[in-house]
Amino acid sequence: MKERVGRAVSRAKYAAIGGAVGGALGGLVGRSAASTGAGFGALVGAIVGEKWATAAPFVEKARSTTSDNLGVAAPFVEKAKSRRNKQSAESQTEEQA
């Protein structure tokens, strides 16, 4: 039940944002275009909200996997940074000489 409510809220939030953006862009053209743009924007926003709510668990899983993998690579990253800093310091002393 919580998942269904969350999905509905997500859809509504994106539909509202899409409607506002579509209405604003259509309003630049005219009154009729504003209502059409708002309707189209709301539809697109609802679709995006539905897809995002469905994909969110997969995105979070990918983010946590990536952050776990970054922990493994940390020693290599630190080594590369220190090597780059050392090369930078050497080039600065050569320029000064």
C-alpha atoms as a PDB file:
ATOM      1  CA  MET A   1       0.000   0.000   0.000  1.00  0.00           C
ATOM      2  CA  LYS A   2       2.835   2.377   0.881  1.00  0.00           C
ATOM      3  CA  GLU A   3       4.418   1.736  -2.506  1.00  0.00           C
ATOM      4  CA  ARG A   4       1.189   2.568  -4.336  1.00  0.00           C
ATOM      5  CA  VAL A   5       0.751   5.814  -2.431  1.00  0.00           C
ATOM      6  CA  GLY A   6       4.386   6.739  -3.086  1.00  0.00           C
ATOM      7  CA  ARG A   7       3.971   6.068  -6.789  1.00  0.00           C
ATOM      8  CA  ALA A   8       0.796   8.181  -6.924  1.00  0.00           C
ATOM      9  CA  VAL A   9       2.494  11.060  -5.106  1.00  0.00           C
ATOM     10  CA  SER A  10       5.466  10.861  -7.441  1.00  0.00           C
ATOM     11  CA  ARG A  11       3.175  10.904 -10.468  1.00  0.00           C
ATOM     12  CA  ALA A  12       1.247  13.881  -9.112  1.00  0.00           C
ATOM     13  CA  LYS A  13       4.410  15.821  -8.282  1.00  0.00           C
ATOM     14  CA  TYR A  14       5.916  15.373 -11.717  1.00  0.00           C
ATOM     15  CA  ALA A  15       2.562  16.039 -13.398  1.00  0.00           C
ATOM     16  CA  ALA A  16       2.250  19.340 -11.533  1.00  0.00           C
ATOM     17  CA  ILE A  17       5.761  20.386 -12.465  1.00  0.00           C
ATOM     18  CA  GLY A  18       5.246  19.308 -16.077  1.00  0.00           C
ATOM     19  CA  GLY A  19       1.946  21.159 -16.271  1.00  0.00           C
ATOM     20  CA  ALA A  20       3.492  24.338 -14.906  1.00  0.00           C
ATOM     21  CA  VAL A  21       6.417  24.219 -17.319  1.00  0.00           C
ATOM     22  CA  GLY A  22       4.203  23.341 -20.279  1.00  0.00           C
ATOM     23  CA  GLY A  23       1.750  26.096 -19.404  1.00  0.00           C
ATOM     24  CA  ALA A  24       4.526  28.647 -19.063  1.00  0.00           C
ATOM     25  CA  LEU A  25       6.056  27.732 -22.406  1.00  0.00           C
ATOM     26  CA  GLY A  26       2.680  27.660 -24.128  1.00  0.00           C
ATOM     27  CA  GLY A  27       1.795  30.974 -22.538  1.00  0.00           C
ATOM     28  CA  LEU A  28       4.593  32.578 -24.481  1.00  0.00           C
ATOM     29  CA  VAL A  29       2.652  31.793 -27.639  1.00  0.00           C
ATOM     30  CA  GLY A  30      -0.949  32.392 -26.585  1.00  0.00           C
ATOM     31  CA  ARG A  31      -3.833  31.486 -24.300  1.00  0.00           C
ATOM     32  CA  SER A  32      -4.854  28.385 -26.208  1.00  0.00           C
ATOM     33  CA  ALA A  33      -1.287  27.178 -26.449  1.00  0.00           C
ATOM     34  CA  ALA A  34      -0.902  27.653 -22.686  1.00  0.00           C
ATOM     35  CA  SER A  35      -3.712  25.241 -21.889  1.00  0.00           C
ATOM     36  CA  THR A  36      -2.511  22.752 -24.483  1.00  0.00           C
ATOM     37  CA  GLY A  37       1.060  23.004 -23.200  1.00  0.00           C
ATOM     38  CA  ALA A  38      -0.099  22.549 -19.623  1.00  0.00           C
ATOM     39  CA  GLY A  39      -2.076  19.447 -20.523  1.00  0.00           C
ATOM     40  CA  PHE A  40       0.755  17.969 -22.545  1.00  0.00           C
ATOM     41  CA  GLY A  41       3.304  18.846 -19.844  1.00  0.00           C
ATOM     42  CA  ALA A  42       1.171  17.233 -17.166  1.00  0.00           C
ATOM     43  CA  LEU A  43       0.856  14.063 -19.228  1.00  0.00           C
ATOM     44  CA  VAL A  44       4.594  13.884 -19.817  1.00  0.00           C
ATOM     45  CA  GLY A  45       5.256  14.670 -16.152  1.00  0.00           C
ATOM     46  CA  ALA A  46       2.944  11.873 -15.020  1.00  0.00           C
ATOM     47  CA  ILE A  47       4.682   9.406 -17.321  1.00  0.00           C
ATOM     48  CA  VAL A  48       8.109  10.479 -16.055  1.00  0.00           C
ATOM     49  CA  GLY A  49       6.900  10.235 -12.449  1.00  0.00           C
ATOM     50  CA  GLU A  50       5.560   6.728 -13.027  1.00  0.00           C
ATOM     51  CA  LYS A  51       8.753   5.543 -14.687  1.00  0.00           C
ATOM     52  CA  TRP A  52      10.974   7.154 -12.053  1.00  0.00           C
ATOM     53  CA  ALA A  53       9.002   5.617  -9.192  1.00  0.00           C
ATOM     54  CA  THR A  54       9.337   2.224 -10.873  1.00  0.00           C
ATOM     55  CA  ALA A  55      13.063   2.646 -11.546  1.00  0.00           C
ATOM     56  CA  ALA A  56      14.022   4.207  -8.184  1.00  0.00           C
ATOM     57  CA  PRO A  57      14.852   0.904  -6.402  1.00  0.00           C
ATOM     58  CA  PHE A  58      17.170  -0.103  -9.247  1.00  0.00           C
ATOM     59  CA  VAL A  59      18.866   3.295  -9.239  1.00  0.00           C
ATOM     60  CA  GLU A  60      19.468   3.126  -5.482  1.00  0.00           C
ATOM     61  CA  LYS A  61      20.880  -0.380  -5.812  1.00  0.00           C
ATOM     62  CA  ALA A  62      23.253   0.786  -8.555  1.00  0.00           C
ATOM     63  CA  ARG A  63      24.357   3.770  -6.463  1.00  0.00           C
ATOM     64  CA  SER A  64      25.116   1.606  -3.444  1.00  0.00           C
ATOM     65  CA  THR A  65      27.028  -0.882  -5.596  1.00  0.00           C
ATOM     66  CA  THR A  66      29.049   1.926  -7.129  1.00  0.00           C
ATOM     67  CA  SER A  67      29.905   3.446  -3.769  1.00  0.00           C
ATOM     68  CA  ASP A  68      30.993   0.017  -2.502  1.00  0.00           C
ATOM     69  CA  ASN A  69      33.259  -0.381  -5.520  1.00  0.00           C
ATOM     70  CA  LEU A  70      34.758   3.050  -4.978  1.00  0.00           C
ATOM     71  CA  GLY A  71      35.861   1.947  -1.526  1.00  0.00           C
ATOM     72  CA  VAL A  72      37.889  -0.852  -3.115  1.00  0.00           C
ATOM     73  CA  ALA A  73      39.537   1.547  -5.569  1.00  0.00           C
ATOM     74  CA  ALA A  74      40.402   4.176  -2.932  1.00  0.00           C
ATOM     75  CA  PRO A  75      44.082   3.158  -2.502  1.00  0.00           C
ATOM     76  CA  PHE A  76      44.638   3.379  -6.255  1.00  0.00           C
ATOM     77  CA  VAL A  77      42.954   6.771  -6.433  1.00  0.00           C
ATOM     78  CA  GLU A  78      45.109   8.111  -3.591  1.00  0.00           C
ATOM     79  CA  LYS A  79      48.246   6.769  -5.257  1.00  0.00           C
ATOM     80  CA  ALA A  80      47.328   8.463  -8.550  1.00  0.00           C
ATOM     81  CA  LYS A  81      46.627  11.752  -6.755  1.00  0.00           C
ATOM     82  CA  SER A  82      49.956  11.693  -4.957  1.00  0.00           C
ATOM     83  CA  ARG A  83      51.778  10.900  -8.205  1.00  0.00           C
ATOM     84  CA  ARG A  84      50.017  13.784  -9.956  1.00  0.00           C
ATOM     85  CA  ASN A  85      50.867  16.174  -7.099  1.00  0.00           C
ATOM     86  CA  LYS A  86      54.500  15.064  -7.201  1.00  0.00           C
ATOM     87  CA  GLN A  87      54.686  15.648 -10.979  1.00  0.00           C
ATOM     88  CA  SER A  88      53.069  19.046 -10.551  1.00  0.00           C
ATOM     89  CA  ALA A  89      55.599  20.035  -7.881  1.00  0.00           C
ATOM     90  CA  GLU A  90      58.504  18.889 -10.068  1.00  0.00           C
ATOM     91  CA  SER A  91      57.254  20.884 -13.052  1.00  0.00           C
ATOM     92  CA  GLN A  92      56.879  23.985 -10.892  1.00  0.00           C
ATOM     93  CA  THR A  93      60.470  23.718  -9.624  1.00  0.00           C
ATOM     94  CA  GLU A  94      61.735  23.272 -13.208  1.00  0.00           C
ATOM     95  CA  GLU A  95      59.827  26.404 -14.293  1.00  0.00           C
ATOM     96  CA  GLN A  96      61.323  28.406 -11.449  1.00  0.00           C
ATOM     97  CA  ALA A  97      64.874  27.340 -12.321  1.00  0.00           C
END
